[in-house]
N, C-alpha and C. Protein backbone atom coordinates (compact mmCIF):
# COMPACT_ATOMS: atom_id res chain seq x y z
N MET A 1 -87.95 135.13 76.11
CA MET A 1 -88.82 136.21 76.52
C MET A 1 -88.92 137.22 75.37
N ALA A 2 -90.11 137.68 75.10
CA ALA A 2 -90.33 138.63 74.00
C ALA A 2 -90.63 140.01 74.57
N LEU A 3 -90.23 141.01 73.82
CA LEU A 3 -90.53 142.39 74.20
C LEU A 3 -91.96 142.73 73.77
N PRO A 4 -92.60 143.63 74.49
CA PRO A 4 -93.97 144.02 74.12
C PRO A 4 -94.01 144.87 72.87
N HIS A 5 -95.18 144.92 72.27
CA HIS A 5 -95.42 145.80 71.13
C HIS A 5 -95.75 147.19 71.67
N PHE A 6 -95.02 148.17 71.20
CA PHE A 6 -95.28 149.56 71.59
C PHE A 6 -95.82 150.32 70.39
N VAL A 7 -96.82 151.16 70.64
CA VAL A 7 -97.35 152.00 69.56
C VAL A 7 -96.33 153.10 69.30
N LYS A 8 -95.78 153.10 68.09
CA LYS A 8 -94.73 154.07 67.75
C LYS A 8 -95.24 155.19 66.86
N GLN A 9 -96.31 154.95 66.13
CA GLN A 9 -96.88 155.98 65.27
C GLN A 9 -98.40 155.91 65.40
N SER A 10 -99.04 157.05 65.32
CA SER A 10 -100.50 157.06 65.38
C SER A 10 -101.03 158.32 64.72
N THR A 11 -102.30 158.25 64.40
CA THR A 11 -103.00 159.42 63.85
C THR A 11 -104.48 159.29 64.18
N ILE A 12 -105.21 160.33 63.90
CA ILE A 12 -106.66 160.33 64.13
C ILE A 12 -107.35 160.87 62.88
N ILE A 13 -108.50 160.31 62.60
CA ILE A 13 -109.36 160.81 61.53
C ILE A 13 -110.65 161.27 62.23
N ALA A 14 -110.96 162.53 62.12
CA ALA A 14 -112.10 163.12 62.80
C ALA A 14 -113.17 163.48 61.78
N ASP A 15 -114.26 162.76 61.79
CA ASP A 15 -115.38 163.01 60.88
C ASP A 15 -114.91 163.05 59.42
N GLY A 16 -113.97 162.13 59.09
CA GLY A 16 -113.47 162.04 57.72
C GLY A 16 -112.29 162.94 57.41
N PHE A 17 -111.90 163.81 58.34
CA PHE A 17 -110.77 164.72 58.13
C PHE A 17 -109.53 164.14 58.79
N GLY A 18 -108.55 163.72 57.99
CA GLY A 18 -107.32 163.12 58.50
C GLY A 18 -106.44 164.15 59.18
N GLN A 19 -105.74 163.70 60.21
CA GLN A 19 -104.86 164.57 60.98
C GLN A 19 -103.42 164.06 60.96
N LEU A 20 -103.07 163.29 59.94
CA LEU A 20 -101.71 162.76 59.84
C LEU A 20 -100.72 163.92 59.80
N GLY A 21 -99.72 163.85 60.65
CA GLY A 21 -98.73 164.91 60.73
C GLY A 21 -99.14 166.08 61.60
N LYS A 22 -100.36 166.10 62.08
CA LYS A 22 -100.84 167.20 62.92
C LYS A 22 -101.05 166.77 64.37
N MET A 23 -101.39 165.49 64.59
CA MET A 23 -101.71 165.03 65.93
C MET A 23 -100.44 164.84 66.75
N GLU A 24 -100.42 165.47 67.92
CA GLU A 24 -99.28 165.31 68.82
C GLU A 24 -99.47 164.09 69.72
N SER A 25 -100.69 163.90 70.23
CA SER A 25 -100.93 162.78 71.13
C SER A 25 -102.42 162.46 71.17
N VAL A 26 -102.72 161.24 71.60
CA VAL A 26 -104.10 160.81 71.80
C VAL A 26 -104.13 159.92 73.02
N LYS A 27 -105.18 160.06 73.83
CA LYS A 27 -105.37 159.20 74.99
C LYS A 27 -106.69 158.46 74.83
N LEU A 28 -106.59 157.15 74.72
CA LEU A 28 -107.80 156.33 74.64
C LEU A 28 -108.50 156.33 75.98
N PRO A 29 -109.76 155.92 76.03
CA PRO A 29 -110.50 155.99 77.29
C PRO A 29 -110.00 154.98 78.31
N ASP A 30 -110.11 155.37 79.57
CA ASP A 30 -109.90 154.41 80.65
C ASP A 30 -111.12 153.49 80.67
N LEU A 31 -110.88 152.21 80.89
CA LEU A 31 -111.97 151.24 80.97
C LEU A 31 -112.23 150.95 82.44
N LYS A 32 -113.36 151.45 82.94
CA LYS A 32 -113.67 151.32 84.36
C LYS A 32 -115.10 150.84 84.55
N GLN A 33 -115.23 149.85 85.41
CA GLN A 33 -116.56 149.40 85.79
C GLN A 33 -117.01 150.19 87.02
N VAL A 34 -118.31 150.29 87.20
CA VAL A 34 -118.89 150.96 88.36
C VAL A 34 -119.29 149.88 89.36
N PHE A 35 -118.85 150.05 90.60
CA PHE A 35 -119.18 149.11 91.66
C PHE A 35 -119.83 149.84 92.82
N GLU A 36 -120.64 149.09 93.56
CA GLU A 36 -121.23 149.62 94.79
C GLU A 36 -121.17 148.52 95.84
N ASP A 37 -120.91 148.92 97.07
CA ASP A 37 -120.87 147.93 98.16
C ASP A 37 -122.26 147.41 98.46
N TRP A 38 -122.33 146.11 98.74
CA TRP A 38 -123.58 145.48 99.16
C TRP A 38 -123.29 144.62 100.38
N ARG A 39 -124.08 144.84 101.41
CA ARG A 39 -123.98 144.02 102.61
C ARG A 39 -125.40 143.70 103.05
N GLY A 40 -125.82 142.48 102.75
CA GLY A 40 -127.15 142.05 103.12
C GLY A 40 -127.21 141.58 104.57
N GLY A 41 -128.42 141.41 105.04
CA GLY A 41 -128.61 140.95 106.41
C GLY A 41 -127.87 139.64 106.69
N GLY A 42 -127.15 139.58 107.80
CA GLY A 42 -126.42 138.38 108.19
C GLY A 42 -125.04 138.25 107.57
N MET A 43 -124.73 139.10 106.59
CA MET A 43 -123.39 139.02 105.97
C MET A 43 -122.37 139.68 106.90
N PRO A 44 -121.22 139.02 107.14
CA PRO A 44 -120.23 139.60 108.04
C PRO A 44 -119.45 140.77 107.42
N GLY A 45 -119.58 140.95 106.12
CA GLY A 45 -118.88 142.04 105.44
C GLY A 45 -119.53 142.34 104.11
N ALA A 46 -119.06 143.39 103.50
CA ALA A 46 -119.64 143.83 102.22
C ALA A 46 -118.87 143.21 101.05
N VAL A 47 -119.57 143.10 99.93
CA VAL A 47 -118.95 142.72 98.66
C VAL A 47 -119.28 143.83 97.66
N GLU A 48 -118.41 143.98 96.67
CA GLU A 48 -118.68 144.97 95.63
C GLU A 48 -119.49 144.32 94.52
N VAL A 49 -120.58 144.98 94.14
CA VAL A 49 -121.46 144.50 93.09
C VAL A 49 -121.28 145.41 91.87
N GLU A 50 -121.04 144.79 90.71
CA GLU A 50 -120.83 145.55 89.48
C GLU A 50 -122.16 146.07 88.97
N LEU A 51 -122.19 147.37 88.66
CA LEU A 51 -123.43 148.02 88.23
C LEU A 51 -123.39 148.56 86.80
N GLY A 52 -122.26 148.43 86.14
CA GLY A 52 -122.20 148.94 84.77
C GLY A 52 -120.81 149.46 84.45
N ILE A 53 -120.76 150.33 83.46
CA ILE A 53 -119.52 150.87 82.94
C ILE A 53 -119.53 152.40 83.10
N GLU A 54 -118.40 152.96 83.51
CA GLU A 54 -118.30 154.42 83.60
C GLU A 54 -118.32 155.02 82.20
N LYS A 55 -118.78 156.26 82.12
CA LYS A 55 -118.77 156.95 80.83
C LYS A 55 -117.34 157.09 80.35
N MET A 56 -117.19 157.18 79.02
CA MET A 56 -115.86 157.21 78.43
C MET A 56 -115.65 158.46 77.60
N GLN A 57 -114.37 158.80 77.43
CA GLN A 57 -113.99 159.91 76.57
C GLN A 57 -112.59 159.67 76.03
N ILE A 58 -112.32 160.26 74.87
CA ILE A 58 -110.95 160.27 74.35
C ILE A 58 -110.46 161.71 74.38
N GLU A 59 -109.15 161.85 74.47
CA GLU A 59 -108.52 163.16 74.46
C GLU A 59 -107.41 163.14 73.43
N PHE A 60 -107.30 164.21 72.65
CA PHE A 60 -106.19 164.29 71.70
C PHE A 60 -105.75 165.74 71.54
N LYS A 61 -104.47 165.89 71.13
CA LYS A 61 -103.89 167.21 70.90
C LYS A 61 -103.48 167.32 69.44
N ILE A 62 -103.80 168.46 68.86
CA ILE A 62 -103.46 168.75 67.48
C ILE A 62 -102.58 170.00 67.48
N GLY A 63 -101.52 169.97 66.68
CA GLY A 63 -100.68 171.14 66.54
C GLY A 63 -101.35 172.18 65.66
N GLY A 64 -101.37 173.39 66.11
CA GLY A 64 -101.94 174.47 65.31
C GLY A 64 -103.46 174.51 65.34
N VAL A 65 -104.01 175.30 64.46
CA VAL A 65 -105.45 175.53 64.39
C VAL A 65 -106.03 174.70 63.25
N ASP A 66 -107.07 173.93 63.54
CA ASP A 66 -107.74 173.13 62.52
C ASP A 66 -109.20 173.57 62.47
N ARG A 67 -109.59 174.21 61.38
CA ARG A 67 -110.96 174.74 61.27
C ARG A 67 -112.02 173.65 61.32
N ASN A 68 -111.73 172.49 60.69
CA ASN A 68 -112.73 171.42 60.68
C ASN A 68 -113.03 170.91 62.09
N LEU A 69 -112.00 170.77 62.91
CA LEU A 69 -112.21 170.34 64.29
C LEU A 69 -112.94 171.39 65.10
N LEU A 70 -112.54 172.63 64.96
CA LEU A 70 -113.19 173.70 65.74
C LEU A 70 -114.68 173.80 65.43
N LYS A 71 -115.06 173.51 64.19
CA LYS A 71 -116.48 173.60 63.81
C LYS A 71 -117.30 172.42 64.33
N MET A 72 -116.66 171.40 64.90
CA MET A 72 -117.40 170.26 65.45
C MET A 72 -117.87 170.50 66.88
N TRP A 73 -117.34 171.52 67.54
CA TRP A 73 -117.70 171.78 68.93
C TRP A 73 -119.05 172.49 69.02
N GLY A 74 -119.84 172.13 70.02
CA GLY A 74 -121.08 172.83 70.29
C GLY A 74 -122.19 172.59 69.30
N LEU A 75 -122.11 171.50 68.54
CA LEU A 75 -123.16 171.22 67.56
C LEU A 75 -124.45 170.83 68.26
N GLN A 76 -125.53 170.95 67.53
CA GLN A 76 -126.84 170.67 68.10
C GLN A 76 -126.93 169.25 68.65
N GLN A 77 -127.89 169.06 69.50
CA GLN A 77 -128.13 167.75 70.10
C GLN A 77 -128.31 166.70 69.01
N GLY A 78 -127.67 165.55 69.19
CA GLY A 78 -127.78 164.48 68.22
C GLY A 78 -126.71 164.50 67.15
N ALA A 79 -125.86 165.52 67.13
CA ALA A 79 -124.82 165.63 66.11
C ALA A 79 -123.59 164.81 66.53
N ILE A 80 -123.74 163.51 66.47
CA ILE A 80 -122.68 162.59 66.86
C ILE A 80 -121.72 162.44 65.68
N LYS A 81 -120.42 162.50 65.95
CA LYS A 81 -119.40 162.43 64.90
C LYS A 81 -118.54 161.18 65.07
N PRO A 82 -118.03 160.63 63.96
CA PRO A 82 -117.12 159.47 64.04
C PRO A 82 -115.66 159.93 64.15
N PHE A 83 -114.91 159.20 64.95
CA PHE A 83 -113.48 159.41 65.11
C PHE A 83 -112.80 158.05 65.00
N GLN A 84 -111.69 158.01 64.33
CA GLN A 84 -110.93 156.77 64.17
C GLN A 84 -109.47 157.05 64.54
N ILE A 85 -108.95 156.27 65.48
CA ILE A 85 -107.55 156.39 65.88
C ILE A 85 -106.83 155.17 65.33
N LEU A 86 -105.75 155.40 64.61
CA LEU A 86 -104.98 154.32 64.00
C LEU A 86 -103.56 154.36 64.54
N GLY A 87 -103.07 153.19 64.96
CA GLY A 87 -101.72 153.12 65.50
C GLY A 87 -100.93 151.98 64.88
N HIS A 88 -99.62 152.13 64.91
CA HIS A 88 -98.69 151.13 64.39
C HIS A 88 -97.82 150.70 65.57
N ALA A 89 -97.95 149.42 65.97
CA ALA A 89 -97.21 148.91 67.12
C ALA A 89 -96.18 147.90 66.66
N VAL A 90 -94.97 148.01 67.22
CA VAL A 90 -93.89 147.09 66.88
C VAL A 90 -93.16 146.67 68.15
N ALA A 91 -92.56 145.47 68.07
CA ALA A 91 -91.71 144.98 69.14
C ALA A 91 -90.26 145.09 68.67
N GLU A 92 -89.39 145.51 69.53
CA GLU A 92 -87.99 145.72 69.17
C GLU A 92 -87.26 144.44 68.80
N ASP A 93 -87.74 143.30 69.28
CA ASP A 93 -87.04 142.04 69.04
C ASP A 93 -87.71 141.19 67.96
N SER A 94 -88.56 141.81 67.15
CA SER A 94 -89.30 141.05 66.14
C SER A 94 -89.59 141.97 64.95
N ASP A 95 -89.83 141.36 63.80
CA ASP A 95 -90.25 142.17 62.66
C ASP A 95 -91.77 142.20 62.54
N GLU A 96 -92.45 141.62 63.53
CA GLU A 96 -93.91 141.63 63.53
C GLU A 96 -94.43 142.99 63.97
N SER A 97 -95.41 143.49 63.23
CA SER A 97 -96.06 144.73 63.63
C SER A 97 -97.56 144.46 63.76
N LEU A 98 -98.20 145.28 64.54
CA LEU A 98 -99.65 145.16 64.77
C LEU A 98 -100.31 146.50 64.51
N GLY A 99 -101.48 146.45 63.91
CA GLY A 99 -102.31 147.63 63.83
C GLY A 99 -103.12 147.72 65.11
N VAL A 100 -103.21 148.90 65.67
CA VAL A 100 -104.05 149.15 66.83
C VAL A 100 -105.02 150.24 66.41
N SER A 101 -106.31 149.97 66.52
CA SER A 101 -107.28 150.95 66.07
C SER A 101 -108.42 151.08 67.07
N ALA A 102 -108.90 152.30 67.18
CA ALA A 102 -110.06 152.58 68.02
C ALA A 102 -111.06 153.35 67.17
N TYR A 103 -112.29 152.90 67.21
CA TYR A 103 -113.39 153.55 66.50
C TYR A 103 -114.32 154.14 67.56
N VAL A 104 -114.62 155.41 67.41
CA VAL A 104 -115.38 156.14 68.41
C VAL A 104 -116.47 156.94 67.72
N ARG A 105 -117.62 156.99 68.35
CA ARG A 105 -118.65 157.95 67.95
C ARG A 105 -118.98 158.77 69.19
N GLY A 106 -119.08 160.07 69.00
CA GLY A 106 -119.38 160.93 70.14
C GLY A 106 -119.43 162.38 69.73
N LYS A 107 -119.48 163.23 70.75
CA LYS A 107 -119.54 164.68 70.53
C LYS A 107 -118.26 165.32 71.03
N LEU A 108 -117.77 166.26 70.25
CA LEU A 108 -116.62 167.03 70.68
C LEU A 108 -117.10 167.98 71.78
N GLY A 109 -116.78 167.62 73.02
CA GLY A 109 -117.35 168.33 74.16
C GLY A 109 -116.47 169.39 74.78
N GLU A 110 -115.17 169.30 74.54
CA GLU A 110 -114.26 170.27 75.15
C GLU A 110 -113.14 170.61 74.18
N ILE A 111 -112.77 171.88 74.17
CA ILE A 111 -111.61 172.36 73.44
C ILE A 111 -110.81 173.23 74.39
N GLU A 112 -109.51 172.92 74.52
CA GLU A 112 -108.65 173.70 75.41
C GLU A 112 -107.46 174.22 74.59
N PHE A 113 -107.28 175.52 74.60
CA PHE A 113 -106.22 176.16 73.83
C PHE A 113 -104.98 176.33 74.70
N ASP A 114 -103.81 175.96 74.14
CA ASP A 114 -102.55 176.33 74.77
C ASP A 114 -102.40 177.84 74.66
N GLU A 115 -101.50 178.39 75.43
CA GLU A 115 -101.21 179.82 75.35
C GLU A 115 -100.55 180.13 74.01
N PHE A 116 -101.08 181.13 73.32
CA PHE A 116 -100.44 181.59 72.09
C PHE A 116 -99.33 182.56 72.49
N LYS A 117 -98.09 182.19 72.16
CA LYS A 117 -96.95 182.99 72.60
C LYS A 117 -95.96 183.11 71.44
N THR A 118 -95.47 184.29 71.21
CA THR A 118 -94.51 184.52 70.14
C THR A 118 -93.30 183.61 70.31
N GLY A 119 -92.93 182.95 69.23
CA GLY A 119 -91.77 182.08 69.25
C GLY A 119 -92.04 180.69 69.79
N SER A 120 -93.31 180.35 70.05
CA SER A 120 -93.67 179.03 70.58
C SER A 120 -94.79 178.42 69.75
N LEU A 121 -94.77 177.11 69.68
CA LEU A 121 -95.85 176.39 69.00
C LEU A 121 -96.99 176.15 69.99
N ALA A 122 -98.20 176.37 69.56
CA ALA A 122 -99.36 176.17 70.43
C ALA A 122 -100.19 175.01 69.91
N ASN A 123 -100.58 174.13 70.81
CA ASN A 123 -101.45 173.01 70.48
C ASN A 123 -102.86 173.32 70.97
N ILE A 124 -103.79 172.57 70.44
CA ILE A 124 -105.17 172.65 70.91
C ILE A 124 -105.56 171.24 71.34
N SER A 125 -106.12 171.12 72.55
CA SER A 125 -106.56 169.84 73.09
C SER A 125 -108.06 169.69 72.89
N TYR A 126 -108.47 168.47 72.55
CA TYR A 126 -109.88 168.17 72.30
C TYR A 126 -110.31 166.99 73.14
N VAL A 127 -111.56 167.00 73.60
CA VAL A 127 -112.13 165.89 74.35
C VAL A 127 -113.43 165.48 73.68
N VAL A 128 -113.54 164.18 73.36
CA VAL A 128 -114.75 163.63 72.75
C VAL A 128 -115.49 162.83 73.80
N LYS A 129 -116.74 163.18 74.05
CA LYS A 129 -117.62 162.44 74.96
C LYS A 129 -118.25 161.32 74.15
N MET A 130 -117.95 160.09 74.52
CA MET A 130 -118.23 158.95 73.65
C MET A 130 -119.61 158.32 73.85
N HIS A 131 -120.18 157.87 72.73
CA HIS A 131 -121.41 157.08 72.71
C HIS A 131 -121.13 155.65 72.26
N TYR A 132 -120.01 155.44 71.57
CA TYR A 132 -119.66 154.12 71.03
C TYR A 132 -118.13 153.99 71.04
N TYR A 133 -117.66 152.76 71.32
CA TYR A 133 -116.22 152.51 71.34
C TYR A 133 -115.94 151.09 70.89
N ARG A 134 -114.96 150.96 70.00
CA ARG A 134 -114.45 149.64 69.62
C ARG A 134 -112.94 149.73 69.52
N LEU A 135 -112.27 148.82 70.22
CA LEU A 135 -110.81 148.75 70.21
C LEU A 135 -110.39 147.44 69.56
N ARG A 136 -109.52 147.54 68.56
CA ARG A 136 -108.99 146.36 67.86
C ARG A 136 -107.48 146.35 67.97
N VAL A 137 -106.93 145.16 68.14
CA VAL A 137 -105.48 144.94 68.08
C VAL A 137 -105.26 143.86 67.05
N GLY A 138 -104.53 144.21 66.00
CA GLY A 138 -104.41 143.29 64.87
C GLY A 138 -105.78 143.12 64.24
N ASP A 139 -106.19 141.87 64.04
CA ASP A 139 -107.51 141.62 63.46
C ASP A 139 -108.51 141.13 64.52
N GLU A 140 -108.23 141.42 65.78
CA GLU A 140 -109.07 140.93 66.87
C GLU A 140 -109.72 142.09 67.63
N ASP A 141 -111.04 142.01 67.79
CA ASP A 141 -111.75 142.98 68.61
C ASP A 141 -111.46 142.70 70.07
N MET A 142 -111.00 143.73 70.79
CA MET A 142 -110.72 143.59 72.22
C MET A 142 -111.93 144.04 73.04
N VAL A 143 -112.48 145.21 72.67
CA VAL A 143 -113.61 145.80 73.39
C VAL A 143 -114.55 146.41 72.37
N GLU A 144 -115.83 146.18 72.54
CA GLU A 144 -116.85 146.93 71.80
C GLU A 144 -117.92 147.31 72.79
N TYR A 145 -118.23 148.60 72.86
CA TYR A 145 -119.17 149.10 73.85
C TYR A 145 -120.08 150.14 73.21
N ASP A 146 -121.37 149.85 73.25
CA ASP A 146 -122.40 150.73 72.69
C ASP A 146 -123.57 150.70 73.66
N PRO A 147 -123.56 151.55 74.70
CA PRO A 147 -124.59 151.48 75.73
C PRO A 147 -126.00 151.75 75.22
N ILE A 148 -126.13 152.56 74.18
CA ILE A 148 -127.46 152.88 73.66
C ILE A 148 -128.11 151.65 73.04
N ASN A 149 -127.32 150.82 72.36
CA ASN A 149 -127.84 149.62 71.69
C ASN A 149 -127.57 148.33 72.46
N LEU A 150 -127.20 148.46 73.74
CA LEU A 150 -126.94 147.31 74.63
C LEU A 150 -125.91 146.35 74.05
N VAL A 151 -124.80 146.90 73.57
CA VAL A 151 -123.69 146.09 73.07
C VAL A 151 -122.51 146.27 74.02
N TYR A 152 -121.99 145.15 74.50
CA TYR A 152 -120.83 145.15 75.40
C TYR A 152 -120.11 143.83 75.18
N LYS A 153 -119.02 143.88 74.40
CA LYS A 153 -118.27 142.68 74.07
C LYS A 153 -116.83 142.83 74.54
N ILE A 154 -116.30 141.78 75.10
CA ILE A 154 -114.90 141.71 75.51
C ILE A 154 -114.28 140.52 74.79
N GLY A 155 -113.24 140.78 74.01
CA GLY A 155 -112.61 139.71 73.25
C GLY A 155 -113.57 139.01 72.30
N GLY A 156 -114.57 139.74 71.81
CA GLY A 156 -115.56 139.18 70.89
C GLY A 156 -116.70 138.44 71.58
N VAL A 157 -116.65 138.31 72.90
CA VAL A 157 -117.69 137.59 73.65
C VAL A 157 -118.74 138.59 74.12
N ASP A 158 -119.99 138.36 73.73
CA ASP A 158 -121.11 139.24 74.06
C ASP A 158 -121.45 139.10 75.55
N GLN A 159 -121.24 140.17 76.29
CA GLN A 159 -121.49 140.15 77.73
C GLN A 159 -122.95 140.45 78.09
N LEU A 160 -123.74 140.90 77.12
CA LEU A 160 -125.13 141.29 77.40
C LEU A 160 -126.16 140.44 76.66
N ALA A 161 -125.75 139.31 76.07
CA ALA A 161 -126.69 138.47 75.31
C ALA A 161 -127.86 138.03 76.18
N ALA A 162 -127.58 137.55 77.38
CA ALA A 162 -128.65 137.08 78.27
C ALA A 162 -129.55 138.24 78.69
N GLN A 163 -128.96 139.40 78.95
CA GLN A 163 -129.75 140.56 79.35
C GLN A 163 -130.72 140.97 78.25
N ARG A 164 -130.22 141.04 77.00
CA ARG A 164 -131.10 141.41 75.89
C ARG A 164 -132.20 140.36 75.71
N ALA A 165 -131.87 139.08 75.83
CA ALA A 165 -132.88 138.01 75.68
C ALA A 165 -133.94 138.15 76.78
N ASN A 166 -133.51 138.40 78.01
CA ASN A 166 -134.45 138.52 79.12
C ASN A 166 -135.33 139.75 79.01
N LEU A 167 -134.86 140.74 78.28
CA LEU A 167 -135.64 141.97 78.06
C LEU A 167 -136.47 141.91 76.78
N GLY A 168 -136.42 140.77 76.10
CA GLY A 168 -137.20 140.59 74.88
C GLY A 168 -136.63 141.33 73.69
N LEU A 169 -135.36 141.57 73.68
CA LEU A 169 -134.72 142.31 72.58
C LEU A 169 -133.97 141.38 71.65
């Protein structure tokens, strides 16, 4: 039996500005499909029908004040920024390590300040409302999602190829 790989170190690069040594934590998006009940005539019960993917966001905390991040909030419409999360995952029973990376494009939609208090360190929390997401583990794409360009891949398999073909795209 092998132990799982745990992410032990991570950082974020926000619009080209590295945060190594500043990032306290990052939360990747929850992956959730949207379902709705359907019960047609004569059916004895309902079934859930998949209707798409819920909107996604990432959340991260940075220690102290970062001017470059603060200037990304509230930008004009269309000012989409790139974010890259890089992680180092290792298993305790192996010398094998894995890179875990997430590539995100979106808008910095929320900033939440911790209380500034004498004798305490204050963090600032950020939320990015995502337009694009790609998650890689090692050299393998796990998820790629770009709703604007009709891209939805799981494990490298295109889930929307037939849809795009049927729509003439």
